[in-house]
């Protein structure tokens, strides 16, 4: 039997194609992925601080962050940027309202 006998390239539909657009259900053959846990992170902002300044922090101290009030937050899944949104309060808890979904082509252009 030759090495190429019975071997052919695999072709797959993209998840977006099989999902039929935003908000629709996945193809039943993909239901197994629905229970896979993902780490979702929304970053409010960052700052750099000297150890000396860090040690001076006390209860009630305010740490200034790099983002401006009202500036979109980044929504990351497994450390990859997937959306941007604004901070909201839902039942006394913080949430994020998505304002922009990052397309797969934009994500592919971003450094990993």
PDB file of N, CA and C in Angstrom:
ATOM      1  N   UNK A   1       0.847  -1.173   0.000  1.00  0.00           N
ATOM      2  CA  UNK A   1       0.000   0.000   0.000  1.00  0.00           C
ATOM      3  C   UNK A   1       0.892   1.235   0.000  1.00  0.00           C
ATOM      4  N   UNK A   2       0.640   2.219  -0.884  1.00  0.00           N
ATOM      5  CA  UNK A   2       1.469   3.421  -0.951  1.00  0.00           C
ATOM      6  C   UNK A   2       1.082   4.380   0.165  1.00  0.00           C
ATOM      7  N   UNK A   3       1.990   5.333   0.448  1.00  0.00           N
ATOM      8  CA  UNK A   3       1.746   6.293   1.525  1.00  0.00           C
ATOM      9  C   UNK A   3       0.529   7.171   1.262  1.00  0.00           C
ATOM     10  N   UNK A   4       0.260   7.476  -0.006  1.00  0.00           N
ATOM     11  CA  UNK A   4      -0.838   8.390  -0.311  1.00  0.00           C
ATOM     12  C   UNK A   4      -2.169   7.682  -0.540  1.00  0.00           C
ATOM     13  N   UNK A   5      -2.182   6.368  -0.562  1.00  0.00           N
ATOM     14  CA  UNK A   5      -3.419   5.635  -0.814  1.00  0.00           C
ATOM     15  C   UNK A   5      -4.385   5.804   0.356  1.00  0.00           C
ATOM     16  N   UNK A   6      -5.590   6.257   0.067  1.00  0.00           N
ATOM     17  CA  UNK A   6      -6.611   6.421   1.101  1.00  0.00           C
ATOM     18  C   UNK A   6      -6.425   7.663   1.958  1.00  0.00           C
ATOM     19  N   UNK A   7      -5.436   8.495   1.646  1.00  0.00           N
ATOM     20  CA  UNK A   7      -5.195   9.710   2.428  1.00  0.00           C
ATOM     21  C   UNK A   7      -5.691  10.898   1.625  1.00  0.00           C
ATOM     22  N   UNK A   8      -6.485  11.746   2.263  1.00  0.00           N
ATOM     23  CA  UNK A   8      -6.953  12.952   1.580  1.00  0.00           C
ATOM     24  C   UNK A   8      -7.003  14.090   2.586  1.00  0.00           C
ATOM     25  N   UNK A   9      -7.023  15.311   2.081  1.00  0.00           N
ATOM     26  CA  UNK A   9      -7.064  16.483   2.947  1.00  0.00           C
ATOM     27  C   UNK A   9      -8.405  16.559   3.664  1.00  0.00           C
ATOM     28  N   UNK A  10      -8.357  16.966   4.917  1.00  0.00           N
ATOM     29  CA  UNK A  10      -9.584  17.174   5.685  1.00  0.00           C
ATOM     30  C   UNK A  10     -10.079  18.587   5.427  1.00  0.00           C
ATOM     31  N   UNK A  11     -11.375  18.746   5.313  1.00  0.00           N
ATOM     32  CA  UNK A  11     -11.960  20.079   5.166  1.00  0.00           C
ATOM     33  C   UNK A  11     -12.976  20.260   6.277  1.00  0.00           C
ATOM     34  N   UNK A  12     -12.966  21.437   6.876  1.00  0.00           N
ATOM     35  CA  UNK A  12     -13.861  21.742   7.983  1.00  0.00           C
ATOM     36  C   UNK A  12     -14.572  23.057   7.704  1.00  0.00           C
ATOM     37  N   UNK A  13     -15.814  23.135   8.129  1.00  0.00           N
ATOM     38  CA  UNK A  13     -16.518  24.404   8.087  1.00  0.00           C
ATOM     39  C   UNK A  13     -16.051  25.222   9.277  1.00  0.00           C
ATOM     40  N   UNK A  14     -16.064  26.557   9.133  1.00  0.00           N
ATOM     41  CA  UNK A  14     -15.718  27.385  10.283  1.00  0.00           C
ATOM     42  C   UNK A  14     -16.864  27.314  11.283  1.00  0.00           C
ATOM     43  N   UNK A  15     -16.585  27.571  12.554  1.00  0.00           N
ATOM     44  CA  UNK A  15     -17.639  27.547  13.572  1.00  0.00           C
ATOM     45  C   UNK A  15     -18.722  28.555  13.255  1.00  0.00           C
ATOM     46  N   UNK A  16     -18.326  29.707  12.704  1.00  0.00           N
ATOM     47  CA  UNK A  16     -19.306  30.728  12.365  1.00  0.00           C
ATOM     48  C   UNK A  16     -20.265  30.205  11.300  1.00  0.00           C
ATOM     49  N   UNK A  17     -19.750  29.486  10.289  1.00  0.00           N
ATOM     50  CA  UNK A  17     -20.604  28.929   9.243  1.00  0.00           C
ATOM     51  C   UNK A  17     -21.562  27.887   9.800  1.00  0.00           C
ATOM     52  N   UNK A  18     -21.086  27.014  10.670  1.00  0.00           N
ATOM     53  CA  UNK A  18     -21.943  25.957  11.199  1.00  0.00           C
ATOM     54  C   UNK A  18     -22.932  26.498  12.208  1.00  0.00           C
ATOM     55  N   UNK A  19     -22.591  27.607  12.870  1.00  0.00           N
ATOM     56  CA  UNK A  19     -23.494  28.175  13.863  1.00  0.00           C
ATOM     57  C   UNK A  19     -24.652  28.915  13.205  1.00  0.00           C
ATOM     58  N   UNK A  20     -24.519  29.259  11.935  1.00  0.00           N
ATOM     59  CA  UNK A  20     -25.605  29.941  11.239  1.00  0.00           C
ATOM     60  C   UNK A  20     -25.761  31.387  11.650  1.00  0.00           C
ATOM     61  N   UNK A  21     -24.734  32.009  12.157  1.00  0.00           N
ATOM     62  CA  UNK A  21     -24.792  33.414  12.533  1.00  0.00           C
ATOM     63  C   UNK A  21     -24.823  33.588  14.027  1.00  0.00           C
ATOM     64  N   UNK A  22     -24.791  34.850  14.431  1.00  0.00           N
ATOM     65  CA  UNK A  22     -24.745  35.158  15.853  1.00  0.00           C
ATOM     66  C   UNK A  22     -26.031  34.762  16.554  1.00  0.00           C
ATOM     67  N   UNK A  23     -25.893  34.209  17.742  1.00  0.00           N
ATOM     68  CA  UNK A  23     -27.034  33.912  18.582  1.00  0.00           C
ATOM     69  C   UNK A  23     -27.788  32.645  18.234  1.00  0.00           C
ATOM     70  N   UNK A  24     -27.440  31.968  17.163  1.00  0.00           N
ATOM     71  CA  UNK A  24     -28.152  30.736  16.832  1.00  0.00           C
ATOM     72  C   UNK A  24     -27.454  29.550  17.481  1.00  0.00           C
ATOM     73  N   UNK A  25     -28.117  28.404  17.466  1.00  0.00           N
ATOM     74  CA  UNK A  25     -27.556  27.215  18.105  1.00  0.00           C
ATOM     75  C   UNK A  25     -26.499  26.579  17.224  1.00  0.00           C
ATOM     76  N   UNK A  26     -25.538  25.917  17.867  1.00  0.00           N
ATOM     77  CA  UNK A  26     -24.494  25.209  17.135  1.00  0.00           C
ATOM     78  C   UNK A  26     -25.060  23.973  16.457  1.00  0.00           C
ATOM     79  N   UNK A  27     -24.378  23.543  15.445  1.00  0.00           N
ATOM     80  CA  UNK A  27     -24.683  22.283  14.775  1.00  0.00           C
ATOM     81  C   UNK A  27     -24.694  21.190  15.850  1.00  0.00           C
ATOM     82  N   UNK A  28     -25.678  20.300  15.866  1.00  0.00           N
ATOM     83  CA  UNK A  28     -25.747  19.253  16.900  1.00  0.00           C
ATOM     84  C   UNK A  28     -24.464  18.435  17.029  1.00  0.00           C
ATOM     85  N   UNK A  29     -23.711  18.304  15.949  1.00  0.00           N
ATOM     86  CA  UNK A  29     -22.468  17.533  16.032  1.00  0.00           C
ATOM     87  C   UNK A  29     -21.399  18.260  16.844  1.00  0.00           C
ATOM     88  N   UNK A  30     -21.618  19.546  17.156  1.00  0.00           N
ATOM     89  CA  UNK A  30     -20.654  20.319  17.945  1.00  0.00           C
ATOM     90  C   UNK A  30     -21.102  20.521  19.392  1.00  0.00           C
ATOM     91  N   UNK A  31     -22.211  19.916  19.793  1.00  0.00           N
ATOM     92  CA  UNK A  31     -22.729  20.106  21.150  1.00  0.00           C
ATOM     93  C   UNK A  31     -21.733  19.720  22.232  1.00  0.00           C
ATOM     94  N   UNK A  32     -20.805  18.825  21.933  1.00  0.00           N
ATOM     95  CA  UNK A  32     -19.843  18.384  22.946  1.00  0.00           C
ATOM     96  C   UNK A  32     -18.969  19.528  23.445  1.00  0.00           C
ATOM     97  N   UNK A  33     -18.812  20.592  22.671  1.00  0.00           N
ATOM     98  CA  UNK A  33     -17.941  21.690  23.106  1.00  0.00           C
ATOM     99  C   UNK A  33     -18.634  22.644  24.071  1.00  0.00           C
ATOM    100  N   UNK A  34     -19.944  22.532  24.225  1.00  0.00           N
ATOM    101  CA  UNK A  34     -20.687  23.484  25.042  1.00  0.00           C
ATOM    102  C   UNK A  34     -20.351  23.407  26.523  1.00  0.00           C
ATOM    103  N   UNK A  35     -19.823  22.290  27.001  1.00  0.00           N
ATOM    104  CA  UNK A  35     -19.507  22.133  28.420  1.00  0.00           C
ATOM    105  C   UNK A  35     -18.033  22.350  28.734  1.00  0.00           C
ATOM    106  N   UNK A  36     -17.260  22.839  27.789  1.00  0.00           N
ATOM    107  CA  UNK A  36     -15.834  23.092  28.026  1.00  0.00           C
ATOM    108  C   UNK A  36     -15.699  24.429  28.749  1.00  0.00           C
ATOM    109  N   UNK A  37     -15.087  24.443  29.932  1.00  0.00           N
ATOM    110  CA  UNK A  37     -14.944  25.701  30.668  1.00  0.00           C
ATOM    111  C   UNK A  37     -13.896  26.609  30.017  1.00  0.00           C
ATOM    112  N   UNK A  38     -14.179  27.901  30.015  1.00  0.00           N
ATOM    113  CA  UNK A  38     -13.265  28.904  29.485  1.00  0.00           C
ATOM    114  C   UNK A  38     -13.043  29.979  30.536  1.00  0.00           C
ATOM    115  N   UNK A  39     -11.871  30.568  30.537  1.00  0.00           N
ATOM    116  CA  UNK A  39     -11.576  31.668  31.451  1.00  0.00           C
ATOM    117  C   UNK A  39     -11.926  32.978  30.746  1.00  0.00           C
ATOM    118  N   UNK A  40     -12.939  33.686  31.248  1.00  0.00           N
ATOM    119  CA  UNK A  40     -13.349  34.969  30.684  1.00  0.00           C
ATOM    120  C   UNK A  40     -12.843  36.066  31.611  1.00  0.00           C
ATOM    121  N   UNK A  41     -12.129  37.030  31.037  1.00  0.00           N
ATOM    122  CA  UNK A  41     -11.537  38.113  31.813  1.00  0.00           C
ATOM    123  C   UNK A  41     -11.962  39.446  31.215  1.00  0.00           C
ATOM    124  N   UNK A  42     -12.359  40.382  32.065  1.00  0.00           N
ATOM    125  CA  UNK A  42     -12.616  41.750  31.637  1.00  0.00           C
ATOM    126  C   UNK A  42     -11.655  42.623  32.426  1.00  0.00           C
ATOM    127  N   UNK A  43     -10.792  43.307  31.704  1.00  0.00           N
ATOM    128  CA  UNK A  43      -9.762  44.108  32.369  1.00  0.00           C
ATOM    129  C   UNK A  43     -10.227  45.548  32.489  1.00  0.00           C
ATOM    130  N   UNK A  44     -10.278  46.026  33.722  1.00  0.00           N
ATOM    131  CA  UNK A  44     -10.708  47.386  34.001  1.00  0.00           C
ATOM    132  C   UNK A  44      -9.600  48.389  33.729  1.00  0.00           C
ATOM    133  N   UNK A  45      -8.355  47.992  33.918  1.00  0.00           N
ATOM    134  CA  UNK A  45      -7.215  48.873  33.676  1.00  0.00           C
ATOM    135  C   UNK A  45      -5.970  48.324  34.333  1.00  0.00           C
ATOM    136  N   UNK A  46      -4.851  48.999  34.084  1.00  0.00           N
ATOM    137  CA  UNK A  46      -3.562  48.594  34.651  1.00  0.00           C
ATOM    138  C   UNK A  46      -2.824  49.818  35.152  1.00  0.00           C
ATOM    139  N   UNK A  47      -1.817  49.570  35.943  1.00  0.00           N
ATOM    140  CA  UNK A  47      -0.924  50.643  36.368  1.00  0.00           C
ATOM    141  C   UNK A  47       0.421  50.051  36.744  1.00  0.00           C
ATOM    142  N   UNK A  48       1.437  50.879  36.748  1.00  0.00           N
ATOM    143  CA  UNK A  48       2.751  50.470  37.248  1.00  0.00           C
ATOM    144  C   UNK A  48       2.988  51.223  38.541  1.00  0.00           C
ATOM    145  N   UNK A  49       3.665  50.562  39.459  1.00  0.00           N
ATOM    146  CA  UNK A  49       3.841  51.148  40.779  1.00  0.00           C
ATOM    147  C   UNK A  49       5.178  50.703  41.351  1.00  0.00           C
ATOM    148  N   UNK A  50       5.854  51.615  42.016  1.00  0.00           N
ATOM    149  CA  UNK A  50       7.086  51.263  42.717  1.00  0.00           C
ATOM    150  C   UNK A  50       6.745  50.449  43.961  1.00  0.00           C
ATOM    151  N   UNK A  51       7.624  49.572  44.349  1.00  0.00           N
ATOM    152  CA  UNK A  51       7.403  48.771  45.558  1.00  0.00           C
ATOM    153  C   UNK A  51       7.185  49.686  46.754  1.00  0.00           C
ATOM    154  N   UNK A  52       7.935  50.780  46.812  1.00  0.00           N
ATOM    155  CA  UNK A  52       7.787  51.733  47.914  1.00  0.00           C
ATOM    156  C   UNK A  52       6.349  52.256  47.980  1.00  0.00           C
ATOM    157  N   UNK A  53       5.785  52.625  46.824  1.00  0.00           N
ATOM    158  CA  UNK A  53       4.405  53.124  46.784  1.00  0.00           C
ATOM    159  C   UNK A  53       3.405  52.019  47.118  1.00  0.00           C
ATOM    160  N   UNK A  54       3.673  50.811  46.651  1.00  0.00           N
ATOM    161  CA  UNK A  54       2.811  49.669  46.946  1.00  0.00           C
ATOM    162  C   UNK A  54       2.736  49.423  48.452  1.00  0.00           C
ATOM    163  N   UNK A  55       3.870  49.512  49.124  1.00  0.00           N
ATOM    164  CA  UNK A  55       3.914  49.269  50.570  1.00  0.00           C
ATOM    165  C   UNK A  55       3.207  50.355  51.370  1.00  0.00           C
ATOM    166  N   UNK A  56       2.986  51.511  50.770  1.00  0.00           N
ATOM    167  CA  UNK A  56       2.302  52.613  51.455  1.00  0.00           C
ATOM    168  C   UNK A  56       0.779  52.528  51.328  1.00  0.00           C
ATOM    169  N   UNK A  57       0.283  51.597  50.512  1.00  0.00           N
ATOM    170  CA  UNK A  57      -1.165  51.471  50.340  1.00  0.00           C
ATOM    171  C   UNK A  57      -1.820  51.001  51.636  1.00  0.00           C
ATOM    172  N   UNK A  58      -2.947  51.596  51.947  1.00  0.00           N
ATOM    173  CA  UNK A  58      -3.716  51.209  53.131  1.00  0.00           C
ATOM    174  C   UNK A  58      -5.183  51.087  52.727  1.00  0.00           C
ATOM    175  N   UNK A  59      -5.989  50.621  53.653  1.00  0.00           N
ATOM    176  CA  UNK A  59      -7.420  50.536  53.401  1.00  0.00           C
ATOM    177  C   UNK A  59      -7.920  51.931  53.033  1.00  0.00           C
ATOM    178  N   UNK A  60      -8.648  52.015  51.935  1.00  0.00           N
ATOM    179  CA  UNK A  60      -9.167  53.302  51.476  1.00  0.00           C
ATOM    180  C   UNK A  60      -8.284  53.990  50.442  1.00  0.00           C
ATOM    181  N   UNK A  61      -7.075  53.468  50.223  1.00  0.00           N
ATOM    182  CA  UNK A  61      -6.204  54.042  49.194  1.00  0.00           C
ATOM    183  C   UNK A  61      -6.858  53.868  47.828  1.00  0.00           C
ATOM    184  N   UNK A  62      -6.623  54.813  46.947  1.00  0.00           N
ATOM    185  CA  UNK A  62      -7.147  54.741  45.585  1.00  0.00           C
ATOM    186  C   UNK A  62      -5.970  54.566  44.638  1.00  0.00           C
ATOM    187  N   UNK A  63      -6.053  53.561  43.791  1.00  0.00           N
ATOM    188  CA  UNK A  63      -5.013  53.296  42.799  1.00  0.00           C
ATOM    189  C   UNK A  63      -5.552  53.743  41.444  1.00  0.00           C
ATOM    190  N   UNK A  64      -4.865  54.688  40.821  1.00  0.00           N
ATOM    191  CA  UNK A  64      -5.289  55.201  39.520  1.00  0.00           C
ATOM    192  C   UNK A  64      -4.901  54.209  38.430  1.00  0.00           C
ATOM    193  N   UNK A  65      -5.856  53.915  37.551  1.00  0.00           N
ATOM    194  CA  UNK A  65      -5.626  52.961  36.465  1.00  0.00           C
ATOM    195  C   UNK A  65      -5.399  53.692  35.145  1.00  0.00           C
ATOM    196  N   UNK A  66      -4.906  52.958  34.165  1.00  0.00           N
ATOM    197  CA  UNK A  66      -4.556  53.544  32.869  1.00  0.00           C
ATOM    198  C   UNK A  66      -5.768  53.918  32.019  1.00  0.00           C
ATOM    199  N   UNK A  67      -6.886  53.263  32.218  1.00  0.00           N
ATOM    200  CA  UNK A  67      -8.066  53.526  31.389  1.00  0.00           C
ATOM    201  C   UNK A  67      -8.855  54.706  31.936  1.00  0.00           C
ATOM    202  N   UNK A  68      -9.471  55.447  31.022  1.00  0.00           N
ATOM    203  CA  UNK A  68     -10.325  56.562  31.403  1.00  0.00           C
ATOM    204  C   UNK A  68     -11.726  56.053  31.711  1.00  0.00           C
ATOM    205  N   UNK A  69     -12.444  56.771  32.577  1.00  0.00           N
ATOM    206  CA  UNK A  69     -13.835  56.412  32.864  1.00  0.00           C
ATOM    207  C   UNK A  69     -14.621  56.460  31.561  1.00  0.00           C
ATOM    208  N   UNK A  70     -15.406  55.432  31.292  1.00  0.00           N
ATOM    209  CA  UNK A  70     -16.198  55.364  30.075  1.00  0.00           C
ATOM    210  C   UNK A  70     -15.478  54.742  28.896  1.00  0.00           C
ATOM    211  N   UNK A  71     -14.178  54.510  29.018  1.00  0.00           N
ATOM    212  CA  UNK A  71     -13.422  53.879  27.937  1.00  0.00           C
ATOM    213  C   UNK A  71     -13.781  52.393  27.875  1.00  0.00           C
ATOM    214  N   UNK A  72     -13.879  51.811  26.666  1.00  0.00           N
ATOM    215  CA  UNK A  72     -14.268  50.398  26.556  1.00  0.00           C
ATOM    216  C   UNK A  72     -13.300  49.457  27.282  1.00  0.00           C
ATOM    217  N   UNK A  73     -13.865  48.448  27.915  1.00  0.00           N
ATOM    218  CA  UNK A  73     -13.076  47.408  28.570  1.00  0.00           C
ATOM    219  C   UNK A  73     -12.804  46.299  27.564  1.00  0.00           C
ATOM    220  N   UNK A  74     -11.711  45.581  27.755  1.00  0.00           N
ATOM    221  CA  UNK A  74     -11.388  44.457  26.881  1.00  0.00           C
ATOM    222  C   UNK A  74     -11.930  43.168  27.484  1.00  0.00           C
ATOM    223  N   UNK A  75     -12.629  42.387  26.668  1.00  0.00           N
ATOM    224  CA  UNK A  75     -13.151  41.091  27.087  1.00  0.00           C
ATOM    225  C   UNK A  75     -12.268  40.030  26.444  1.00  0.00           C
ATOM    226  N   UNK A  76     -11.664  39.197  27.275  1.00  0.00           N
ATOM    227  CA  UNK A  76     -10.743  38.170  26.788  1.00  0.00           C
ATOM    228  C   UNK A  76     -11.253  36.794  27.183  1.00  0.00           C
ATOM    229  N   UNK A  77     -11.094  35.847  26.280  1.00  0.00           N
ATOM    230  CA  UNK A  77     -11.383  34.445  26.573  1.00  0.00           C
ATOM    231  C   UNK A  77     -10.087  33.687  26.382  1.00  0.00           C
ATOM    232  N   UNK A  78      -9.664  33.014  27.455  1.00  0.00           N
ATOM    233  CA  UNK A  78      -8.368  32.323  27.458  1.00  0.00           C
ATOM    234  C   UNK A  78      -7.260  33.245  26.961  1.00  0.00           C
ATOM    235  N   UNK A  79      -7.255  34.472  27.458  1.00  0.00           N
ATOM    236  CA  UNK A  79      -6.235  35.492  27.179  1.00  0.00           C
ATOM    237  C   UNK A  79      -6.245  36.031  25.752  1.00  0.00           C
ATOM    238  N   UNK A  80      -7.256  35.727  24.957  1.00  0.00           N
ATOM    239  CA  UNK A  80      -7.365  36.274  23.591  1.00  0.00           C
ATOM    240  C   UNK A  80      -8.487  37.305  23.562  1.00  0.00           C
ATOM    241  N   UNK A  81      -8.201  38.487  23.025  1.00  0.00           N
ATOM    242  CA  UNK A  81      -9.203  39.541  22.920  1.00  0.00           C
ATOM    243  C   UNK A  81     -10.323  39.102  21.980  1.00  0.00           C
ATOM    244  N   UNK A  82     -11.570  39.109  22.467  1.00  0.00           N
ATOM    245  CA  UNK A  82     -12.707  38.694  21.641  1.00  0.00           C
ATOM    246  C   UNK A  82     -13.771  39.780  21.512  1.00  0.00           C
ATOM    247  N   UNK A  83     -13.760  40.756  22.438  1.00  0.00           N
ATOM    248  CA  UNK A  83     -14.787  41.796  22.394  1.00  0.00           C
ATOM    249  C   UNK A  83     -14.350  42.988  23.237  1.00  0.00           C
ATOM    250  N   UNK A  84     -15.103  44.065  23.088  1.00  0.00           N
ATOM    251  CA  UNK A  84     -14.945  45.234  23.953  1.00  0.00           C
ATOM    252  C   UNK A  84     -16.330  45.579  24.483  1.00  0.00           C
ATOM    253  N   UNK A  85     -16.362  46.217  25.637  1.00  0.00           N
ATOM    254  CA  UNK A  85     -17.658  46.544  26.203  1.00  0.00           C
ATOM    255  C   UNK A  85     -17.566  47.616  27.262  1.00  0.00           C
ATOM    256  N   UNK A  86     -18.723  47.955  27.817  1.00  0.00           N
ATOM    257  CA  UNK A  86     -18.786  48.981  28.851  1.00  0.00           C
ATOM    258  C   UNK A  86     -19.255  48.356  30.159  1.00  0.00           C
ATOM    259  N   UNK A  87     -18.762  48.910  31.253  1.00  0.00           N
ATOM    260  CA  UNK A  87     -19.102  48.398  32.578  1.00  0.00           C
ATOM    261  C   UNK A  87     -20.542  48.770  32.909  1.00  0.00           C
ATOM    262  N   UNK A  88     -21.292  47.792  33.430  1.00  0.00           N
ATOM    263  CA  UNK A  88     -22.655  48.010  33.898  1.00  0.00           C
ATOM    264  C   UNK A  88     -22.791  47.363  35.276  1.00  0.00           C
ATOM    265  N   UNK A  89     -23.855  47.705  35.982  1.00  0.00           N
ATOM    266  CA  UNK A  89     -24.155  47.066  37.262  1.00  0.00           C
ATOM    267  C   UNK A  89     -25.436  46.262  37.079  1.00  0.00           C
ATOM    268  N   UNK A  90     -25.375  44.971  37.432  1.00  0.00           N
ATOM    269  CA  UNK A  90     -26.514  44.068  37.298  1.00  0.00           C
ATOM    270  C   UNK A  90     -26.726  43.388  38.643  1.00  0.00           C
ATOM    271  N   UNK A  91     -27.874  43.649  39.287  1.00  0.00           N
ATOM    272  CA  UNK A  91     -28.172  43.038  40.590  1.00  0.00           C
ATOM    273  C   UNK A  91     -27.022  43.201  41.574  1.00  0.00           C
ATOM    274  N   UNK A  92     -26.540  44.437  41.714  1.00  0.00           N
ATOM    275  CA  UNK A  92     -25.474  44.763  42.672  1.00  0.00           C
ATOM    276  C   UNK A  92     -24.103  44.203  42.294  1.00  0.00           C
ATOM    277  N   UNK A  93     -23.966  43.628  41.104  1.00  0.00           N
ATOM    278  CA  UNK A  93     -22.678  43.084  40.662  1.00  0.00           C
ATOM    279  C   UNK A  93     -22.258  43.793  39.384  1.00  0.00           C
ATOM    280  N   UNK A  94     -20.944  43.871  39.167  1.00  0.00           N
ATOM    281  CA  UNK A  94     -20.450  44.441  37.922  1.00  0.00           C
ATOM    282  C   UNK A  94     -20.682  43.471  36.777  1.00  0.00           C
ATOM    283  N   UNK A  95     -20.941  44.011  35.616  1.00  0.00           N
ATOM    284  CA  UNK A  95     -21.064  43.229  34.395  1.00  0.00           C
ATOM    285  C   UNK A  95     -20.463  44.029  33.255  1.00  0.00           C
ATOM    286  N   UNK A  96     -20.536  43.484  32.067  1.00  0.00           N
ATOM    287  CA  UNK A  96     -20.032  44.200  30.894  1.00  0.00           C
ATOM    288  C   UNK A  96     -21.044  44.048  29.760  1.00  0.00           C
ATOM    289  N   UNK A  97     -21.410  45.174  29.164  1.00  0.00           N
ATOM    290  CA  UNK A  97     -22.292  45.170  27.994  1.00  0.00           C
ATOM    291  C   UNK A  97     -21.386  45.217  26.772  1.00  0.00           C
ATOM    292  N   UNK A  98     -21.492  44.206  25.917  1.00  0.00           N
ATOM    293  CA  UNK A  98     -20.627  44.130  24.746  1.00  0.00           C
ATOM    294  C   UNK A  98     -21.012  45.204  23.736  1.00  0.00           C
ATOM    295  N   UNK A  99     -20.018  45.965  23.308  1.00  0.00           N
ATOM    296  CA  UNK A  99     -20.245  47.025  22.327  1.00  0.00           C
ATOM    297  C   UNK A  99     -19.570  46.729  20.998  1.00  0.00           C
ATOM    298  N   UNK A 100     -18.613  45.804  20.997  1.00  0.00           N
ATOM    299  CA  UNK A 100     -17.870  45.484  19.779  1.00  0.00           C
ATOM    300  C   UNK A 100     -17.368  44.049  19.872  1.00  0.00           C
ATOM    301  N   UNK A 101     -17.659  43.245  18.874  1.00  0.00           N
ATOM    302  CA  UNK A 101     -17.149  41.875  18.796  1.00  0.00           C
ATOM    303  C   UNK A 101     -15.977  41.886  17.823  1.00  0.00           C
ATOM    304  N   UNK A 102     -14.848  41.332  18.235  1.00  0.00           N
ATOM    305  CA  UNK A 102     -13.661  41.290  17.390  1.00  0.00           C
ATOM    306  C   UNK A 102     -13.837  40.164  16.370  1.00  0.00           C
ATOM    307  N   UNK A 103     -13.719  40.484  15.096  1.00  0.00           N
ATOM    308  CA  UNK A 103     -13.896  39.470  14.047  1.00  0.00           C
ATOM    309  C   UNK A 103     -12.727  38.492  14.060  1.00  0.00           C
ATOM    310  N   UNK A 104     -12.947  37.324  13.493  1.00  0.00           N
ATOM    311  CA  UNK A 104     -11.879  36.321  13.456  1.00  0.00           C
ATOM    312  C   UNK A 104     -10.690  36.828  12.653  1.00  0.00           C
ATOM    313  N   UNK A 105     -10.919  37.615  11.602  1.00  0.00           N
ATOM    314  CA  UNK A 105      -9.782  38.145  10.832  1.00  0.00           C
ATOM    315  C   UNK A 105      -8.984  39.144  11.667  1.00  0.00           C
ATOM    316  N   UNK A 106      -9.669  39.982  12.474  1.00  0.00           N
ATOM    317  CA  UNK A 106      -8.961  40.908  13.366  1.00  0.00           C
ATOM    318  C   UNK A 106      -8.167  40.137  14.421  1.00  0.00           C
ATOM    319  N   UNK A 107      -8.779  39.073  14.989  1.00  0.00           N
ATOM    320  CA  UNK A 107      -8.083  38.276  16.005  1.00  0.00           C
ATOM    321  C   UNK A 107      -6.849  37.617  15.424  1.00  0.00           C
ATOM    322  N   UNK A 108      -6.939  37.143  14.174  1.00  0.00           N
ATOM    323  CA  UNK A 108      -5.796  36.479  13.545  1.00  0.00           C
ATOM    324  C   UNK A 108      -4.639  37.433  13.292  1.00  0.00           C
ATOM    325  N   UNK A 109      -4.930  38.727  13.128  1.00  0.00           N
ATOM    326  CA  UNK A 109      -3.884  39.721  12.898  1.00  0.00           C
ATOM    327  C   UNK A 109      -3.199  40.155  14.188  1.00  0.00           C
ATOM    328  N   UNK A 110      -3.821  39.888  15.334  1.00  0.00           N
ATOM    329  CA  UNK A 110      -3.266  40.308  16.625  1.00  0.00           C
ATOM    330  C   UNK A 110      -2.174  39.353  17.070  1.00  0.00           C
ATOM    331  N   UNK A 111      -1.158  39.893  17.765  1.00  0.00           N
ATOM    332  CA  UNK A 111      -0.129  38.996  18.316  1.00  0.00           C
ATOM    333  C   UNK A 111      -0.730  38.100  19.382  1.00  0.00           C
ATOM    334  N   UNK A 112      -0.226  36.878  19.470  1.00  0.00           N
ATOM    335  CA  UNK A 112      -0.759  35.923  20.458  1.00  0.00           C
ATOM    336  C   UNK A 112      -0.116  36.104  21.796  1.00  0.00           C
TER     337      UNK A 112
END
